[in-house]
């Protein structure tokens, strides 16, 4: 449990907070929020 959660947290830090803050919205959704379903699916599968 903890290892996958920590690994996904790194994606949020890098893509959501760092890179996402410099990117525009995608279909009206901020980039950081847009990748949440994809990251959950990545871990879930």
ModelCIF file with pLDDT and N, C-alpha, C, O atoms, coordinates in Angstrom:
data_MODEL
#
_entry.id   MODEL 
#
_entity.id                         1 
_entity.type                       polymer 
_entity.pdbx_number_of_molecules   1 
#
_entity_poly.entity_id                      1 
_entity_poly.type                           'polypeptide(L)' 
_entity_poly.nstd_linkage                   no 
_entity_poly.nstd_monomer                   no 
_entity_poly.pdbx_seq_one_letter_code       
;(UNK)(UNK)(UNK)(UNK)(UNK)(UNK)(UNK)(UNK)(UNK)(UNK)(UNK)(UNK)(UNK)(UNK)(UNK)(UNK)
(UNK)(UNK)(UNK)(UNK)(UNK)(UNK)(UNK)(UNK)(UNK)(UNK)(UNK)(UNK)(UNK)(UNK)(UNK)(UNK)
(UNK)(UNK)(UNK)(UNK)(UNK)(UNK)(UNK)(UNK)(UNK)(UNK)(UNK)(UNK)(UNK)
;
_entity_poly.pdbx_seq_one_letter_code_can   XXXXXXXXXXXXXXXXXXXXXXXXXXXXXXXXXXXXXXXXXXXXX 
_entity_poly.pdbx_strand_id                 A 
#
loop_
_entity_poly_seq.entity_id 
_entity_poly_seq.num 
_entity_poly_seq.mon_id 
_entity_poly_seq.hetero 
1 1  UNK n 
1 2  UNK n 
1 3  UNK n 
1 4  UNK n 
1 5  UNK n 
1 6  UNK n 
1 7  UNK n 
1 8  UNK n 
1 9  UNK n 
1 10 UNK n 
1 11 UNK n 
1 12 UNK n 
1 13 UNK n 
1 14 UNK n 
1 15 UNK n 
1 16 UNK n 
1 17 UNK n 
1 18 UNK n 
1 19 UNK n 
1 20 UNK n 
1 21 UNK n 
1 22 UNK n 
1 23 UNK n 
1 24 UNK n 
1 25 UNK n 
1 26 UNK n 
1 27 UNK n 
1 28 UNK n 
1 29 UNK n 
1 30 UNK n 
1 31 UNK n 
1 32 UNK n 
1 33 UNK n 
1 34 UNK n 
1 35 UNK n 
1 36 UNK n 
1 37 UNK n 
1 38 UNK n 
1 39 UNK n 
1 40 UNK n 
1 41 UNK n 
1 42 UNK n 
1 43 UNK n 
1 44 UNK n 
1 45 UNK n 
#
_struct_asym.id          A 
_struct_asym.entity_id   1 
#
loop_
_ma_qa_metric.id 
_ma_qa_metric.mode 
_ma_qa_metric.name 
_ma_qa_metric.software_group_id 
_ma_qa_metric.type 
1 global pLDDT . pLDDT 
2 local  pLDDT . pLDDT 
#
_ma_qa_metric_global.metric_id      1 
_ma_qa_metric_global.metric_value   76.53 
_ma_qa_metric_global.model_id       1 
_ma_qa_metric_global.ordinal_id     1 
#
loop_
_ma_qa_metric_local.label_asym_id 
_ma_qa_metric_local.label_comp_id 
_ma_qa_metric_local.label_seq_id 
_ma_qa_metric_local.metric_id 
_ma_qa_metric_local.metric_value 
_ma_qa_metric_local.model_id 
_ma_qa_metric_local.ordinal_id 
A UNK 1  2 68.00 1 1  
A UNK 2  2 71.00 1 2  
A UNK 3  2 73.00 1 3  
A UNK 4  2 74.00 1 4  
A UNK 5  2 74.00 1 5  
A UNK 6  2 76.00 1 6  
A UNK 7  2 75.00 1 7  
A UNK 8  2 75.00 1 8  
A UNK 9  2 76.00 1 9  
A UNK 10 2 76.00 1 10 
A UNK 11 2 75.00 1 11 
A UNK 12 2 72.00 1 12 
A UNK 13 2 72.00 1 13 
A UNK 14 2 72.00 1 14 
A UNK 15 2 70.00 1 15 
A UNK 16 2 63.00 1 16 
A UNK 17 2 63.00 1 17 
A UNK 18 2 62.00 1 18 
A UNK 19 2 66.00 1 19 
A UNK 20 2 60.00 1 20 
A UNK 21 2 63.00 1 21 
A UNK 22 2 66.00 1 22 
A UNK 23 2 70.00 1 23 
A UNK 24 2 69.00 1 24 
A UNK 25 2 73.00 1 25 
A UNK 26 2 78.00 1 26 
A UNK 27 2 76.00 1 27 
A UNK 28 2 78.00 1 28 
A UNK 29 2 82.00 1 29 
A UNK 30 2 81.00 1 30 
A UNK 31 2 82.00 1 31 
A UNK 32 2 79.00 1 32 
A UNK 33 2 83.00 1 33 
A UNK 34 2 87.00 1 34 
A UNK 35 2 85.00 1 35 
A UNK 36 2 87.00 1 36 
A UNK 37 2 89.00 1 37 
A UNK 38 2 88.00 1 38 
A UNK 39 2 86.00 1 39 
A UNK 40 2 89.00 1 40 
A UNK 41 2 89.00 1 41 
A UNK 42 2 87.00 1 42 
A UNK 43 2 85.00 1 43 
A UNK 44 2 89.00 1 44 
A UNK 45 2 90.00 1 45 
#
loop_
_atom_site.group_PDB 
_atom_site.id 
_atom_site.type_symbol 
_atom_site.label_atom_id 
_atom_site.label_alt_id 
_atom_site.label_comp_id 
_atom_site.label_asym_id 
_atom_site.label_entity_id 
_atom_site.label_seq_id 
_atom_site.pdbx_PDB_ins_code 
_atom_site.Cartn_x 
_atom_site.Cartn_y 
_atom_site.Cartn_z 
_atom_site.occupancy 
_atom_site.B_iso_or_equiv 
_atom_site.pdbx_formal_charge 
_atom_site.auth_seq_id 
_atom_site.auth_comp_id 
_atom_site.auth_asym_id 
_atom_site.auth_atom_id 
_atom_site.pdbx_PDB_model_num 
ATOM 1   N N  . UNK A 1 1  ? 0.810   -1.215 0.000   1.00 68.00 ? 1  UNK A N  1 
ATOM 2   C CA . UNK A 1 1  ? 0.000   0.000  0.000   1.00 68.00 ? 1  UNK A CA 1 
ATOM 3   C C  . UNK A 1 1  ? 0.848   1.273  0.000   1.00 68.00 ? 1  UNK A C  1 
ATOM 4   O O  . UNK A 1 1  ? 0.683   2.134  -0.864  1.00 68.00 ? 1  UNK A O  1 
ATOM 5   N N  . UNK A 1 2  ? 1.752   1.385  0.969   1.00 71.00 ? 2  UNK A N  1 
ATOM 6   C CA . UNK A 1 2  ? 2.477   2.640  1.142   1.00 71.00 ? 2  UNK A CA 1 
ATOM 7   C C  . UNK A 1 2  ? 3.396   2.963  -0.031  1.00 71.00 ? 2  UNK A C  1 
ATOM 8   O O  . UNK A 1 2  ? 3.489   4.121  -0.440  1.00 71.00 ? 2  UNK A O  1 
ATOM 9   N N  . UNK A 1 3  ? 4.070   1.963  -0.572  1.00 73.00 ? 3  UNK A N  1 
ATOM 10  C CA . UNK A 1 3  ? 5.000   2.205  -1.674  1.00 73.00 ? 3  UNK A CA 1 
ATOM 11  C C  . UNK A 1 3  ? 4.296   2.754  -2.915  1.00 73.00 ? 3  UNK A C  1 
ATOM 12  O O  . UNK A 1 3  ? 4.765   3.748  -3.469  1.00 73.00 ? 3  UNK A O  1 
ATOM 13  N N  . UNK A 1 4  ? 3.182   2.151  -3.384  1.00 74.00 ? 4  UNK A N  1 
ATOM 14  C CA . UNK A 1 4  ? 2.486   2.737  -4.532  1.00 74.00 ? 4  UNK A CA 1 
ATOM 15  C C  . UNK A 1 4  ? 1.950   4.143  -4.273  1.00 74.00 ? 4  UNK A C  1 
ATOM 16  O O  . UNK A 1 4  ? 1.965   4.994  -5.162  1.00 74.00 ? 4  UNK A O  1 
ATOM 17  N N  . UNK A 1 5  ? 1.471   4.382  -3.040  1.00 74.00 ? 5  UNK A N  1 
ATOM 18  C CA . UNK A 1 5  ? 0.949   5.714  -2.714  1.00 74.00 ? 5  UNK A CA 1 
ATOM 19  C C  . UNK A 1 5  ? 2.066   6.754  -2.759  1.00 74.00 ? 5  UNK A C  1 
ATOM 20  O O  . UNK A 1 5  ? 1.872   7.851  -3.283  1.00 74.00 ? 5  UNK A O  1 
ATOM 21  N N  . UNK A 1 6  ? 3.237   6.412  -2.212  1.00 76.00 ? 6  UNK A N  1 
ATOM 22  C CA . UNK A 1 6  ? 4.362   7.340  -2.241  1.00 76.00 ? 6  UNK A CA 1 
ATOM 23  C C  . UNK A 1 6  ? 4.853   7.583  -3.661  1.00 76.00 ? 6  UNK A C  1 
ATOM 24  O O  . UNK A 1 6  ? 5.200   8.707  -4.023  1.00 76.00 ? 6  UNK A O  1 
ATOM 25  N N  . UNK A 1 7  ? 4.880   6.515  -4.467  1.00 75.00 ? 7  UNK A N  1 
ATOM 26  C CA . UNK A 1 7  ? 5.306   6.672  -5.858  1.00 75.00 ? 7  UNK A CA 1 
ATOM 27  C C  . UNK A 1 7  ? 4.368   7.592  -6.622  1.00 75.00 ? 7  UNK A C  1 
ATOM 28  O O  . UNK A 1 7  ? 4.815   8.446  -7.388  1.00 75.00 ? 7  UNK A O  1 
ATOM 29  N N  . UNK A 1 8  ? 3.067   7.419  -6.415  1.00 75.00 ? 8  UNK A N  1 
ATOM 30  C CA . UNK A 1 8  ? 2.093   8.273  -7.095  1.00 75.00 ? 8  UNK A CA 1 
ATOM 31  C C  . UNK A 1 8  ? 2.174   9.701  -6.585  1.00 75.00 ? 8  UNK A C  1 
ATOM 32  O O  . UNK A 1 8  ? 1.948   10.642 -7.345  1.00 75.00 ? 8  UNK A O  1 
ATOM 33  N N  . UNK A 1 9  ? 2.495   9.876  -5.305  1.00 76.00 ? 9  UNK A N  1 
ATOM 34  C CA . UNK A 1 9  ? 2.645   11.223 -4.754  1.00 76.00 ? 9  UNK A CA 1 
ATOM 35  C C  . UNK A 1 9  ? 3.752   11.985 -5.468  1.00 76.00 ? 9  UNK A C  1 
ATOM 36  O O  . UNK A 1 9  ? 3.655   13.199 -5.649  1.00 76.00 ? 9  UNK A O  1 
ATOM 37  N N  . UNK A 1 10 ? 4.810   11.278 -5.876  1.00 76.00 ? 10 UNK A N  1 
ATOM 38  C CA . UNK A 1 10 ? 5.887   11.927 -6.621  1.00 76.00 ? 10 UNK A CA 1 
ATOM 39  C C  . UNK A 1 10 ? 5.381   12.453 -7.968  1.00 76.00 ? 10 UNK A C  1 
ATOM 40  O O  . UNK A 1 10 ? 5.801   13.519 -8.419  1.00 76.00 ? 10 UNK A O  1 
ATOM 41  N N  . UNK A 1 11 ? 4.475   11.699 -8.609  1.00 75.00 ? 11 UNK A N  1 
ATOM 42  C CA . UNK A 1 11 ? 3.880   12.181 -9.856  1.00 75.00 ? 11 UNK A CA 1 
ATOM 43  C C  . UNK A 1 11 ? 3.097   13.466 -9.611  1.00 75.00 ? 11 UNK A C  1 
ATOM 44  O O  . UNK A 1 11 ? 3.169   14.409 -10.400 1.00 75.00 ? 11 UNK A O  1 
ATOM 45  N N  . UNK A 1 12 ? 2.354   13.493 -8.516  1.00 72.00 ? 12 UNK A N  1 
ATOM 46  C CA . UNK A 1 12 ? 1.578   14.697 -8.203  1.00 72.00 ? 12 UNK A CA 1 
ATOM 47  C C  . UNK A 1 12 ? 2.490   15.891 -7.939  1.00 72.00 ? 12 UNK A C  1 
ATOM 48  O O  . UNK A 1 12 ? 2.197   17.013 -8.353  1.00 72.00 ? 12 UNK A O  1 
ATOM 49  N N  . UNK A 1 13 ? 3.594   15.638 -7.248  1.00 72.00 ? 13 UNK A N  1 
ATOM 50  C CA . UNK A 1 13 ? 4.526   16.725 -6.949  1.00 72.00 ? 13 UNK A CA 1 
ATOM 51  C C  . UNK A 1 13 ? 5.153   17.271 -8.224  1.00 72.00 ? 13 UNK A C  1 
ATOM 52  O O  . UNK A 1 13 ? 5.226   18.483 -8.428  1.00 72.00 ? 13 UNK A O  1 
ATOM 53  N N  . UNK A 1 14 ? 5.610   16.349 -9.085  1.00 72.00 ? 14 UNK A N  1 
ATOM 54  C CA . UNK A 1 14 ? 6.317   16.766 -10.304 1.00 72.00 ? 14 UNK A CA 1 
ATOM 55  C C  . UNK A 1 14 ? 5.355   17.302 -11.356 1.00 72.00 ? 14 UNK A C  1 
ATOM 56  O O  . UNK A 1 14 ? 5.532   18.414 -11.855 1.00 72.00 ? 14 UNK A O  1 
ATOM 57  N N  . UNK A 1 15 ? 4.322   16.502 -11.699 1.00 70.00 ? 15 UNK A N  1 
ATOM 58  C CA . UNK A 1 15 ? 3.428   16.889 -12.786 1.00 70.00 ? 15 UNK A CA 1 
ATOM 59  C C  . UNK A 1 15 ? 2.305   17.813 -12.323 1.00 70.00 ? 15 UNK A C  1 
ATOM 60  O O  . UNK A 1 15 ? 1.890   18.719 -13.046 1.00 70.00 ? 15 UNK A O  1 
ATOM 61  N N  . UNK A 1 16 ? 1.824   17.572 -11.110 1.00 63.00 ? 16 UNK A N  1 
ATOM 62  C CA . UNK A 1 16 ? 0.701   18.384 -10.641 1.00 63.00 ? 16 UNK A CA 1 
ATOM 63  C C  . UNK A 1 16 ? 1.104   19.736 -10.118 1.00 63.00 ? 16 UNK A C  1 
ATOM 64  O O  . UNK A 1 16 ? 0.560   20.758 -10.537 1.00 63.00 ? 16 UNK A O  1 
ATOM 65  N N  . UNK A 1 17 ? 2.064   19.753 -9.195  1.00 63.00 ? 17 UNK A N  1 
ATOM 66  C CA . UNK A 1 17 ? 2.445   21.008 -8.545  1.00 63.00 ? 17 UNK A CA 1 
ATOM 67  C C  . UNK A 1 17 ? 3.487   21.776 -9.343  1.00 63.00 ? 17 UNK A C  1 
ATOM 68  O O  . UNK A 1 17 ? 3.332   22.975 -9.573  1.00 63.00 ? 17 UNK A O  1 
ATOM 69  N N  . UNK A 1 18 ? 4.566   21.085 -9.775  1.00 62.00 ? 18 UNK A N  1 
ATOM 70  C CA . UNK A 1 18 ? 5.668   21.778 -10.445 1.00 62.00 ? 18 UNK A CA 1 
ATOM 71  C C  . UNK A 1 18 ? 5.340   22.124 -11.901 1.00 62.00 ? 18 UNK A C  1 
ATOM 72  O O  . UNK A 1 18 ? 5.294   23.297 -12.272 1.00 62.00 ? 18 UNK A O  1 
ATOM 73  N N  . UNK A 1 19 ? 5.115   21.098 -12.715 1.00 66.00 ? 19 UNK A N  1 
ATOM 74  C CA . UNK A 1 19 ? 4.849   21.326 -14.142 1.00 66.00 ? 19 UNK A CA 1 
ATOM 75  C C  . UNK A 1 19 ? 3.430   21.832 -14.357 1.00 66.00 ? 19 UNK A C  1 
ATOM 76  O O  . UNK A 1 19 ? 3.205   22.716 -15.183 1.00 66.00 ? 19 UNK A O  1 
ATOM 77  N N  . UNK A 1 20 ? 2.471   21.276 -13.619 1.00 60.00 ? 20 UNK A N  1 
ATOM 78  C CA . UNK A 1 20 ? 1.072   21.643 -13.826 1.00 60.00 ? 20 UNK A CA 1 
ATOM 79  C C  . UNK A 1 20 ? 0.795   23.113 -13.605 1.00 60.00 ? 20 UNK A C  1 
ATOM 80  O O  . UNK A 1 20 ? -0.063  23.689 -14.273 1.00 60.00 ? 20 UNK A O  1 
ATOM 81  N N  . UNK A 1 21 ? 1.516   23.736 -12.669 1.00 63.00 ? 21 UNK A N  1 
ATOM 82  C CA . UNK A 1 21 ? 1.302   25.160 -12.407 1.00 63.00 ? 21 UNK A CA 1 
ATOM 83  C C  . UNK A 1 21 ? 1.734   26.036 -13.567 1.00 63.00 ? 21 UNK A C  1 
ATOM 84  O O  . UNK A 1 21 ? 1.333   27.198 -13.641 1.00 63.00 ? 21 UNK A O  1 
ATOM 85  N N  . UNK A 1 22 ? 2.551   25.500 -14.484 1.00 66.00 ? 22 UNK A N  1 
ATOM 86  C CA . UNK A 1 22 ? 3.037   26.272 -15.621 1.00 66.00 ? 22 UNK A CA 1 
ATOM 87  C C  . UNK A 1 22 ? 2.281   25.956 -16.909 1.00 66.00 ? 22 UNK A C  1 
ATOM 88  O O  . UNK A 1 22 ? 2.552   26.544 -17.956 1.00 66.00 ? 22 UNK A O  1 
ATOM 89  N N  . UNK A 1 23 ? 1.338   25.028 -16.828 1.00 70.00 ? 23 UNK A N  1 
ATOM 90  C CA . UNK A 1 23 ? 0.573   24.631 -18.012 1.00 70.00 ? 23 UNK A CA 1 
ATOM 91  C C  . UNK A 1 23 ? -0.848  25.172 -17.921 1.00 70.00 ? 23 UNK A C  1 
ATOM 92  O O  . UNK A 1 23 ? -1.366  25.430 -16.835 1.00 70.00 ? 23 UNK A O  1 
ATOM 93  N N  . UNK A 1 24 ? -1.460  25.336 -19.081 1.00 69.00 ? 24 UNK A N  1 
ATOM 94  C CA . UNK A 1 24 ? -2.828  25.825 -19.114 1.00 69.00 ? 24 UNK A CA 1 
ATOM 95  C C  . UNK A 1 24 ? -3.837  24.725 -18.822 1.00 69.00 ? 24 UNK A C  1 
ATOM 96  O O  . UNK A 1 24 ? -3.479  23.566 -18.613 1.00 69.00 ? 24 UNK A O  1 
ATOM 97  N N  . UNK A 1 25 ? -5.087  25.108 -18.813 1.00 73.00 ? 25 UNK A N  1 
ATOM 98  C CA . UNK A 1 25 ? -6.152  24.133 -18.565 1.00 73.00 ? 25 UNK A CA 1 
ATOM 99  C C  . UNK A 1 25 ? -6.331  23.230 -19.771 1.00 73.00 ? 25 UNK A C  1 
ATOM 100 O O  . UNK A 1 25 ? -6.033  23.612 -20.902 1.00 73.00 ? 25 UNK A O  1 
ATOM 101 N N  . UNK A 1 26 ? -6.823  22.026 -19.512 1.00 78.00 ? 26 UNK A N  1 
ATOM 102 C CA . UNK A 1 26 ? -7.186  21.084 -20.571 1.00 78.00 ? 26 UNK A CA 1 
ATOM 103 C C  . UNK A 1 26 ? -8.681  20.840 -20.476 1.00 78.00 ? 26 UNK A C  1 
ATOM 104 O O  . UNK A 1 26 ? -9.162  20.269 -19.497 1.00 78.00 ? 26 UNK A O  1 
ATOM 105 N N  . UNK A 1 27 ? -9.418  21.272 -21.494 1.00 76.00 ? 27 UNK A N  1 
ATOM 106 C CA . UNK A 1 27 ? -10.877 21.145 -21.531 1.00 76.00 ? 27 UNK A CA 1 
ATOM 107 C C  . UNK A 1 27 ? -11.508 21.753 -20.280 1.00 76.00 ? 27 UNK A C  1 
ATOM 108 O O  . UNK A 1 27 ? -12.467 21.220 -19.723 1.00 76.00 ? 27 UNK A O  1 
ATOM 109 N N  . UNK A 1 28 ? -10.944 22.882 -19.854 1.00 78.00 ? 28 UNK A N  1 
ATOM 110 C CA . UNK A 1 28 ? -11.499 23.593 -18.707 1.00 78.00 ? 28 UNK A CA 1 
ATOM 111 C C  . UNK A 1 28 ? -11.087 23.055 -17.353 1.00 78.00 ? 28 UNK A C  1 
ATOM 112 O O  . UNK A 1 28 ? -11.592 23.510 -16.327 1.00 78.00 ? 28 UNK A O  1 
ATOM 113 N N  . UNK A 1 29 ? -10.169 22.086 -17.335 1.00 82.00 ? 29 UNK A N  1 
ATOM 114 C CA . UNK A 1 29 ? -9.708  21.476 -16.085 1.00 82.00 ? 29 UNK A CA 1 
ATOM 115 C C  . UNK A 1 29 ? -8.214  21.756 -15.936 1.00 82.00 ? 29 UNK A C  1 
ATOM 116 O O  . UNK A 1 29 ? -7.459  21.596 -16.895 1.00 82.00 ? 29 UNK A O  1 
ATOM 117 N N  . UNK A 1 30 ? -7.779  22.170 -14.749 1.00 81.00 ? 30 UNK A N  1 
ATOM 118 C CA . UNK A 1 30 ? -6.357  22.413 -14.531 1.00 81.00 ? 30 UNK A CA 1 
ATOM 119 C C  . UNK A 1 30 ? -5.574  21.134 -14.765 1.00 81.00 ? 30 UNK A C  1 
ATOM 120 O O  . UNK A 1 30 ? -6.078  20.035 -14.535 1.00 81.00 ? 30 UNK A O  1 
ATOM 121 N N  . UNK A 1 31 ? -4.334  21.283 -15.226 1.00 82.00 ? 31 UNK A N  1 
ATOM 122 C CA . UNK A 1 31 ? -3.547  20.098 -15.587 1.00 82.00 ? 31 UNK A CA 1 
ATOM 123 C C  . UNK A 1 31 ? -3.342  19.171 -14.391 1.00 82.00 ? 31 UNK A C  1 
ATOM 124 O O  . UNK A 1 31 ? -3.427  17.950 -14.524 1.00 82.00 ? 31 UNK A O  1 
ATOM 125 N N  . UNK A 1 32 ? -3.073  19.752 -13.229 1.00 79.00 ? 32 UNK A N  1 
ATOM 126 C CA . UNK A 1 32 ? -2.867  18.932 -12.036 1.00 79.00 ? 32 UNK A CA 1 
ATOM 127 C C  . UNK A 1 32 ? -4.072  18.073 -11.717 1.00 79.00 ? 32 UNK A C  1 
ATOM 128 O O  . UNK A 1 32 ? -3.927  16.906 -11.353 1.00 79.00 ? 32 UNK A O  1 
ATOM 129 N N  . UNK A 1 33 ? -5.272  18.645 -11.852 1.00 83.00 ? 33 UNK A N  1 
ATOM 130 C CA . UNK A 1 33 ? -6.495  17.881 -11.599 1.00 83.00 ? 33 UNK A CA 1 
ATOM 131 C C  . UNK A 1 33 ? -6.787  16.915 -12.740 1.00 83.00 ? 33 UNK A C  1 
ATOM 132 O O  . UNK A 1 33 ? -7.333  15.833 -12.523 1.00 83.00 ? 33 UNK A O  1 
ATOM 133 N N  . UNK A 1 34 ? -6.420  17.313 -13.961 1.00 87.00 ? 34 UNK A N  1 
ATOM 134 C CA . UNK A 1 34 ? -6.721  16.490 -15.130 1.00 87.00 ? 34 UNK A CA 1 
ATOM 135 C C  . UNK A 1 34 ? -6.033  15.134 -15.069 1.00 87.00 ? 34 UNK A C  1 
ATOM 136 O O  . UNK A 1 34 ? -6.593  14.136 -15.523 1.00 87.00 ? 34 UNK A O  1 
ATOM 137 N N  . UNK A 1 35 ? -4.820  15.085 -14.510 1.00 85.00 ? 35 UNK A N  1 
ATOM 138 C CA . UNK A 1 35 ? -4.067  13.825 -14.515 1.00 85.00 ? 35 UNK A CA 1 
ATOM 139 C C  . UNK A 1 35 ? -4.427  12.900 -13.355 1.00 85.00 ? 35 UNK A C  1 
ATOM 140 O O  . UNK A 1 35 ? -3.949  11.767 -13.303 1.00 85.00 ? 35 UNK A O  1 
ATOM 141 N N  . UNK A 1 36 ? -5.260  13.364 -12.426 1.00 87.00 ? 36 UNK A N  1 
ATOM 142 C CA . UNK A 1 36 ? -5.612  12.513 -11.274 1.00 87.00 ? 36 UNK A CA 1 
ATOM 143 C C  . UNK A 1 36 ? -6.232  11.186 -11.704 1.00 87.00 ? 36 UNK A C  1 
ATOM 144 O O  . UNK A 1 36 ? -5.767  10.146 -11.237 1.00 87.00 ? 36 UNK A O  1 
ATOM 145 N N  . UNK A 1 37 ? -7.255  11.155 -12.566 1.00 89.00 ? 37 UNK A N  1 
ATOM 146 C CA . UNK A 1 37 ? -7.823  9.858  -12.974 1.00 89.00 ? 37 UNK A CA 1 
ATOM 147 C C  . UNK A 1 37 ? -6.801  8.958  -13.648 1.00 89.00 ? 37 UNK A C  1 
ATOM 148 O O  . UNK A 1 37 ? -6.795  7.747  -13.428 1.00 89.00 ? 37 UNK A O  1 
ATOM 149 N N  . UNK A 1 38 ? -5.928  9.549  -14.477 1.00 88.00 ? 38 UNK A N  1 
ATOM 150 C CA . UNK A 1 38 ? -4.914  8.752  -15.150 1.00 88.00 ? 38 UNK A CA 1 
ATOM 151 C C  . UNK A 1 38 ? -3.921  8.140  -14.187 1.00 88.00 ? 38 UNK A C  1 
ATOM 152 O O  . UNK A 1 38 ? -3.531  6.984  -14.353 1.00 88.00 ? 38 UNK A O  1 
ATOM 153 N N  . UNK A 1 39 ? -3.504  8.894  -13.181 1.00 86.00 ? 39 UNK A N  1 
ATOM 154 C CA . UNK A 1 39 ? -2.558  8.379  -12.200 1.00 86.00 ? 39 UNK A CA 1 
ATOM 155 C C  . UNK A 1 39 ? -3.186  7.289  -11.338 1.00 86.00 ? 39 UNK A C  1 
ATOM 156 O O  . UNK A 1 39 ? -2.530  6.307  -10.989 1.00 86.00 ? 39 UNK A O  1 
ATOM 157 N N  . UNK A 1 40 ? -4.452  7.467  -11.000 1.00 89.00 ? 40 UNK A N  1 
ATOM 158 C CA . UNK A 1 40 ? -5.136  6.418  -10.225 1.00 89.00 ? 40 UNK A CA 1 
ATOM 159 C C  . UNK A 1 40 ? -5.226  5.141  -11.053 1.00 89.00 ? 40 UNK A C  1 
ATOM 160 O O  . UNK A 1 40 ? -4.986  4.047  -10.542 1.00 89.00 ? 40 UNK A O  1 
ATOM 161 N N  . UNK A 1 41 ? -5.573  5.282  -12.332 1.00 89.00 ? 41 UNK A N  1 
ATOM 162 C CA . UNK A 1 41 ? -5.653  4.120  -13.216 1.00 89.00 ? 41 UNK A CA 1 
ATOM 163 C C  . UNK A 1 41 ? -4.294  3.457  -13.375 1.00 89.00 ? 41 UNK A C  1 
ATOM 164 O O  . UNK A 1 41 ? -4.198  2.230  -13.395 1.00 89.00 ? 41 UNK A O  1 
ATOM 165 N N  . UNK A 1 42 ? -3.242  4.261  -13.488 1.00 87.00 ? 42 UNK A N  1 
ATOM 166 C CA . UNK A 1 42 ? -1.892  3.715  -13.635 1.00 87.00 ? 42 UNK A CA 1 
ATOM 167 C C  . UNK A 1 42 ? -1.549  2.796  -12.472 1.00 87.00 ? 42 UNK A C  1 
ATOM 168 O O  . UNK A 1 42 ? -1.015  1.707  -12.678 1.00 87.00 ? 42 UNK A O  1 
ATOM 169 N N  . UNK A 1 43 ? -1.848  3.223  -11.262 1.00 85.00 ? 43 UNK A N  1 
ATOM 170 C CA . UNK A 1 43 ? -1.580  2.399  -10.080 1.00 85.00 ? 43 UNK A CA 1 
ATOM 171 C C  . UNK A 1 43 ? -2.571  1.249  -9.964  1.00 85.00 ? 43 UNK A C  1 
ATOM 172 O O  . UNK A 1 43 ? -2.197  0.132  -9.608  1.00 85.00 ? 43 UNK A O  1 
ATOM 173 N N  . UNK A 1 44 ? -3.828  1.526  -10.265 1.00 89.00 ? 44 UNK A N  1 
ATOM 174 C CA . UNK A 1 44 ? -4.882  0.526  -10.099 1.00 89.00 ? 44 UNK A CA 1 
ATOM 175 C C  . UNK A 1 44 ? -4.661  -0.681 -11.016 1.00 89.00 ? 44 UNK A C  1 
ATOM 176 O O  . UNK A 1 44 ? -4.799  -1.824 -10.581 1.00 89.00 ? 44 UNK A O  1 
ATOM 177 N N  . UNK A 1 45 ? -4.321  -0.432 -12.272 1.00 90.00 ? 45 UNK A N  1 
ATOM 178 C CA . UNK A 1 45 ? -4.126  -1.535 -13.213 1.00 90.00 ? 45 UNK A CA 1 
ATOM 179 C C  . UNK A 1 45 ? -2.943  -2.395 -12.799 1.00 90.00 ? 45 UNK A C  1 
ATOM 180 O O  . UNK A 1 45 ? -2.626  -3.375 -13.475 1.00 90.00 ? 45 UNK A O  1 
#
